[in-house]
Amino acid sequence: MFRSIVRGCAAGAAGTTALNAMTYLDMALRGRPSSGAPEDVVEKVTEKAGHPVPETEDRGNRLSGLGALTGIAVGVGTGAAVALLHRAGLRPPGWLGGPATGALAMTLTDAPMAGLGVSDPRAWSPADWTADALPHLAYGLVTYGMIAAAHRHH
């Protein structure tokens, strides 16, 4: 089981790299700014937990770093969870497992944003949905592809 978790973490890290690459490519092509949502989620969660990020001149930098680390944690953790499900016998074909893995990661990212009032996906434009869905699809394809490939070789 430990090996499955480690492989899932590695697959999730690779998937997170693919997601980030797709996001940065979109930003470069369309000239759009980065999202402030990760920082806003961290800010709300730390406040609700009673441990807000201190009000210092570098607070924005800390929130930015924590937001990025949270995204990495979701990506790596999702990879571990999917690897454990795969190990337990849930092994859809890649054309289904990849998009399902991406949808899971997208849900784990977007649900807290909606629940905390950071963003309302119901109000997103088609361009907003595309900017969120395509990187998560890339995440899912890479992550699930690596998990499935590791299983075939062991």
C-alpha atoms as a PDB file:
ATOM      1  CA  MET A   1       0.000   0.000   0.000  1.00  0.00           C
ATOM      2  CA  PHE A   2       2.852   2.389   0.826  1.00  0.00           C
ATOM      3  CA  ARG A   3       4.258   1.994  -2.691  1.00  0.00           C
ATOM      4  CA  SER A   4       0.874   2.815  -4.178  1.00  0.00           C
ATOM      5  CA  ILE A   5       0.695   5.982  -2.117  1.00  0.00           C
ATOM      6  CA  VAL A   6       4.207   7.016  -3.140  1.00  0.00           C
ATOM      7  CA  ARG A   7       3.480   6.309  -6.815  1.00  0.00           C
ATOM      8  CA  GLY A   8       0.237   8.248  -6.523  1.00  0.00           C
ATOM      9  CA  CYS A   9       2.042  11.198  -4.963  1.00  0.00           C
ATOM     10  CA  ALA A  10       4.600  11.177  -7.785  1.00  0.00           C
ATOM     11  CA  ALA A  11       1.832  10.919 -10.377  1.00  0.00           C
ATOM     12  CA  GLY A  12      -0.052  13.762  -8.685  1.00  0.00           C
ATOM     13  CA  ALA A  13       3.098  15.902  -8.694  1.00  0.00           C
ATOM     14  CA  ALA A  14       3.558  15.272 -12.421  1.00  0.00           C
ATOM     15  CA  GLY A  15      -0.106  16.041 -13.011  1.00  0.00           C
ATOM     16  CA  THR A  16       0.229  19.265 -11.009  1.00  0.00           C
ATOM     17  CA  THR A  17       3.142  20.263 -13.236  1.00  0.00           C
ATOM     18  CA  ALA A  18       0.963  19.641 -16.314  1.00  0.00           C
ATOM     19  CA  LEU A  19      -1.871  21.686 -14.766  1.00  0.00           C
ATOM     20  CA  ASN A  20       0.486  24.571 -13.992  1.00  0.00           C
ATOM     21  CA  ALA A  21       1.997  24.445 -17.479  1.00  0.00           C
ATOM     22  CA  MET A  22      -1.464  24.606 -19.069  1.00  0.00           C
ATOM     23  CA  THR A  23      -2.455  27.475 -16.782  1.00  0.00           C
ATOM     24  CA  TYR A  24       0.690  29.467 -17.553  1.00  0.00           C
ATOM     25  CA  LEU A  25       0.302  28.770 -21.274  1.00  0.00           C
ATOM     26  CA  ASP A  26      -3.255  30.131 -21.116  1.00  0.00           C
ATOM     27  CA  MET A  27      -2.019  33.214 -19.248  1.00  0.00           C
ATOM     28  CA  ALA A  28       0.720  33.767 -21.839  1.00  0.00           C
ATOM     29  CA  LEU A  29      -1.578  33.277 -24.847  1.00  0.00           C
ATOM     30  CA  ARG A  30      -4.543  35.302 -23.598  1.00  0.00           C
ATOM     31  CA  GLY A  31      -2.632  37.772 -21.446  1.00  0.00           C
ATOM     32  CA  ARG A  32      -4.848  37.045 -18.459  1.00  0.00           C
ATOM     33  CA  PRO A  33      -3.638  37.596 -14.904  1.00  0.00           C
ATOM     34  CA  SER A  34      -3.114  34.825 -12.398  1.00  0.00           C
ATOM     35  CA  SER A  35      -6.015  33.949 -10.144  1.00  0.00           C
ATOM     36  CA  GLY A  36      -6.079  35.306  -6.626  1.00  0.00           C
ATOM     37  CA  ALA A  37      -8.477  32.567  -5.527  1.00  0.00           C
ATOM     38  CA  PRO A  38      -5.850  30.284  -3.912  1.00  0.00           C
ATOM     39  CA  GLU A  39      -4.646  33.146  -1.720  1.00  0.00           C
ATOM     40  CA  ASP A  40      -8.229  34.104  -0.854  1.00  0.00           C
ATOM     41  CA  VAL A  41      -9.032  30.517   0.167  1.00  0.00           C
ATOM     42  CA  VAL A  42      -5.932  30.348   2.381  1.00  0.00           C
ATOM     43  CA  GLU A  43      -6.841  33.692   3.931  1.00  0.00           C
ATOM     44  CA  LYS A  44     -10.391  32.548   4.770  1.00  0.00           C
ATOM     45  CA  VAL A  45      -9.333  29.105   6.040  1.00  0.00           C
ATOM     46  CA  THR A  46      -6.607  30.492   8.300  1.00  0.00           C
ATOM     47  CA  GLU A  47      -9.001  33.117   9.670  1.00  0.00           C
ATOM     48  CA  LYS A  48     -11.695  30.492  10.353  1.00  0.00           C
ATOM     49  CA  ALA A  49      -9.076  28.288  12.044  1.00  0.00           C
ATOM     50  CA  GLY A  50      -8.168  31.175  14.343  1.00  0.00           C
ATOM     51  CA  HIS A  51      -4.641  31.485  12.951  1.00  0.00           C
ATOM     52  CA  PRO A  52      -4.742  34.216  10.295  1.00  0.00           C
ATOM     53  CA  VAL A  53      -1.630  35.095   8.346  1.00  0.00           C
ATOM     54  CA  PRO A  54      -0.146  38.065  10.228  1.00  0.00           C
ATOM     55  CA  GLU A  55      -0.790  41.590   8.948  1.00  0.00           C
ATOM     56  CA  THR A  56       2.763  42.391   7.848  1.00  0.00           C
ATOM     57  CA  GLU A  57       4.122  44.098   4.766  1.00  0.00           C
ATOM     58  CA  ASP A  58       4.968  40.703   3.237  1.00  0.00           C
ATOM     59  CA  ARG A  59       1.526  39.187   3.972  1.00  0.00           C
ATOM     60  CA  GLY A  60       0.585  39.055   0.278  1.00  0.00           C
ATOM     61  CA  ASN A  61       3.733  37.110  -0.526  1.00  0.00           C
ATOM     62  CA  ARG A  62       3.010  34.643   2.275  1.00  0.00           C
ATOM     63  CA  LEU A  63      -0.569  34.151   1.069  1.00  0.00           C
ATOM     64  CA  SER A  64       0.683  33.650  -2.488  1.00  0.00           C
ATOM     65  CA  GLY A  65       3.169  31.013  -1.362  1.00  0.00           C
ATOM     66  CA  LEU A  66       0.611  29.265   0.832  1.00  0.00           C
ATOM     67  CA  GLY A  67      -1.925  29.317  -2.001  1.00  0.00           C
ATOM     68  CA  ALA A  68       0.543  27.647  -4.365  1.00  0.00           C
ATOM     69  CA  LEU A  69       1.528  25.078  -1.726  1.00  0.00           C
ATOM     70  CA  THR A  70      -2.133  24.285  -1.146  1.00  0.00           C
ATOM     71  CA  GLY A  71      -2.560  23.587  -4.866  1.00  0.00           C
ATOM     72  CA  ILE A  72       0.436  21.268  -4.820  1.00  0.00           C
ATOM     73  CA  ALA A  73      -0.972  19.479  -1.764  1.00  0.00           C
ATOM     74  CA  VAL A  74      -4.338  18.975  -3.490  1.00  0.00           C
ATOM     75  CA  GLY A  75      -2.628  17.645  -6.616  1.00  0.00           C
ATOM     76  CA  VAL A  76      -0.303  15.264  -4.773  1.00  0.00           C
ATOM     77  CA  GLY A  77      -3.048  14.158  -2.370  1.00  0.00           C
ATOM     78  CA  THR A  78      -5.498  13.510  -5.180  1.00  0.00           C
ATOM     79  CA  GLY A  79      -2.872  11.397  -6.927  1.00  0.00           C
ATOM     80  CA  ALA A  80      -2.376   9.350  -3.751  1.00  0.00           C
ATOM     81  CA  ALA A  81      -6.129   8.853  -3.337  1.00  0.00           C
ATOM     82  CA  VAL A  82      -6.598   7.797  -6.959  1.00  0.00           C
ATOM     83  CA  ALA A  83      -3.658   5.376  -6.686  1.00  0.00           C
ATOM     84  CA  LEU A  84      -5.269   3.772  -3.631  1.00  0.00           C
ATOM     85  CA  LEU A  85      -8.589   3.472  -5.470  1.00  0.00           C
ATOM     86  CA  HIS A  86      -6.722   1.932  -8.413  1.00  0.00           C
ATOM     87  CA  ARG A  87      -4.991  -0.507  -6.070  1.00  0.00           C
ATOM     88  CA  ALA A  88      -8.386  -1.422  -4.586  1.00  0.00           C
ATOM     89  CA  GLY A  89      -9.625  -2.420  -8.024  1.00  0.00           C
ATOM     90  CA  LEU A  90     -11.273   0.732  -9.382  1.00  0.00           C
ATOM     91  CA  ARG A  91      -9.507   0.791 -12.760  1.00  0.00           C
ATOM     92  CA  PRO A  92     -11.495   2.500 -15.500  1.00  0.00           C
ATOM     93  CA  PRO A  93      -9.872   2.817 -18.924  1.00  0.00           C
ATOM     94  CA  GLY A  94      -7.694   5.884 -19.455  1.00  0.00           C
ATOM     95  CA  TRP A  95     -10.284   7.724 -21.529  1.00  0.00           C
ATOM     96  CA  LEU A  96     -12.547   7.684 -18.457  1.00  0.00           C
ATOM     97  CA  GLY A  97     -10.054   7.534 -15.583  1.00  0.00           C
ATOM     98  CA  GLY A  98      -8.068  10.546 -16.790  1.00  0.00           C
ATOM     99  CA  PRO A  99     -11.008  12.942 -17.063  1.00  0.00           C
ATOM    100  CA  ALA A 100     -12.526  11.546 -13.837  1.00  0.00           C
ATOM    101  CA  THR A 101      -9.255  12.176 -11.990  1.00  0.00           C
ATOM    102  CA  GLY A 102      -9.168  15.720 -13.371  1.00  0.00           C
ATOM    103  CA  ALA A 103     -12.804  16.256 -12.353  1.00  0.00           C
ATOM    104  CA  LEU A 104     -12.010  15.050  -8.836  1.00  0.00           C
ATOM    105  CA  ALA A 105      -9.097  17.483  -8.513  1.00  0.00           C
ATOM    106  CA  MET A 106     -11.225  20.291  -9.958  1.00  0.00           C
ATOM    107  CA  THR A 107     -13.987  19.566  -7.444  1.00  0.00           C
ATOM    108  CA  LEU A 108     -11.501  19.498  -4.570  1.00  0.00           C
ATOM    109  CA  THR A 109     -10.244  22.904  -5.713  1.00  0.00           C
ATOM    110  CA  ASP A 110     -13.498  24.620  -6.665  1.00  0.00           C
ATOM    111  CA  ALA A 111     -15.769  23.373  -3.870  1.00  0.00           C
ATOM    112  CA  PRO A 112     -13.814  25.142  -1.112  1.00  0.00           C
ATOM    113  CA  MET A 113     -13.778  28.336  -3.198  1.00  0.00           C
ATOM    114  CA  ALA A 114     -17.539  28.187  -3.540  1.00  0.00           C
ATOM    115  CA  GLY A 115     -18.125  27.109   0.062  1.00  0.00           C
ATOM    116  CA  LEU A 116     -16.015  29.950   1.432  1.00  0.00           C
ATOM    117  CA  GLY A 117     -17.587  32.531  -0.886  1.00  0.00           C
ATOM    118  CA  VAL A 118     -14.304  33.192  -2.697  1.00  0.00           C
ATOM    119  CA  SER A 119     -15.832  32.477  -6.108  1.00  0.00           C
ATOM    120  CA  ASP A 120     -19.187  31.330  -7.449  1.00  0.00           C
ATOM    121  CA  PRO A 121     -18.724  28.823 -10.284  1.00  0.00           C
ATOM    122  CA  ARG A 122     -22.396  29.333 -11.230  1.00  0.00           C
ATOM    123  CA  ALA A 123     -21.455  32.843 -12.339  1.00  0.00           C
ATOM    124  CA  TRP A 124     -18.415  31.834 -14.375  1.00  0.00           C
ATOM    125  CA  SER A 125     -18.276  32.563 -18.090  1.00  0.00           C
ATOM    126  CA  PRO A 126     -17.509  29.841 -20.638  1.00  0.00           C
ATOM    127  CA  ALA A 127     -13.952  31.230 -20.824  1.00  0.00           C
ATOM    128  CA  ASP A 128     -13.639  30.923 -17.028  1.00  0.00           C
ATOM    129  CA  TRP A 129     -14.817  27.301 -17.129  1.00  0.00           C
ATOM    130  CA  THR A 130     -12.436  26.510 -19.986  1.00  0.00           C
ATOM    131  CA  ALA A 131      -9.520  28.122 -18.129  1.00  0.00           C
ATOM    132  CA  ASP A 132     -10.310  25.867 -15.151  1.00  0.00           C
ATOM    133  CA  ALA A 133     -11.342  22.667 -16.928  1.00  0.00           C
ATOM    134  CA  LEU A 134      -8.527  22.265 -19.476  1.00  0.00           C
ATOM    135  CA  PRO A 135      -5.667  22.415 -16.949  1.00  0.00           C
ATOM    136  CA  HIS A 136      -7.552  19.987 -14.691  1.00  0.00           C
ATOM    137  CA  LEU A 137      -8.075  17.668 -17.653  1.00  0.00           C
ATOM    138  CA  ALA A 138      -4.314  17.759 -18.307  1.00  0.00           C
ATOM    139  CA  TYR A 139      -3.774  17.015 -14.608  1.00  0.00           C
ATOM    140  CA  GLY A 140      -6.116  14.036 -14.761  1.00  0.00           C
ATOM    141  CA  LEU A 141      -4.668  12.564 -17.946  1.00  0.00           C
ATOM    142  CA  VAL A 142      -1.088  12.770 -16.688  1.00  0.00           C
ATOM    143  CA  THR A 143      -1.871  11.620 -13.143  1.00  0.00           C
ATOM    144  CA  TYR A 144      -4.138   8.726 -14.082  1.00  0.00           C
ATOM    145  CA  GLY A 145      -1.891   7.745 -16.983  1.00  0.00           C
ATOM    146  CA  MET A 146       1.089   7.419 -14.662  1.00  0.00           C
ATOM    147  CA  ILE A 147      -0.903   5.479 -12.068  1.00  0.00           C
ATOM    148  CA  ALA A 148      -2.246   3.062 -14.661  1.00  0.00           C
ATOM    149  CA  ALA A 149       1.186   2.653 -16.260  1.00  0.00           C
ATOM    150  CA  ALA A 150       2.816   1.930 -12.889  1.00  0.00           C
ATOM    151  CA  HIS A 151       0.194  -0.723 -12.191  1.00  0.00           C
ATOM    152  CA  ARG A 152       0.806  -2.432 -15.548  1.00  0.00           C
ATOM    153  CA  HIS A 153       4.526  -2.666 -14.775  1.00  0.00           C
ATOM    154  CA  HIS A 154       4.167  -4.158 -11.290  1.00  0.00           C
END
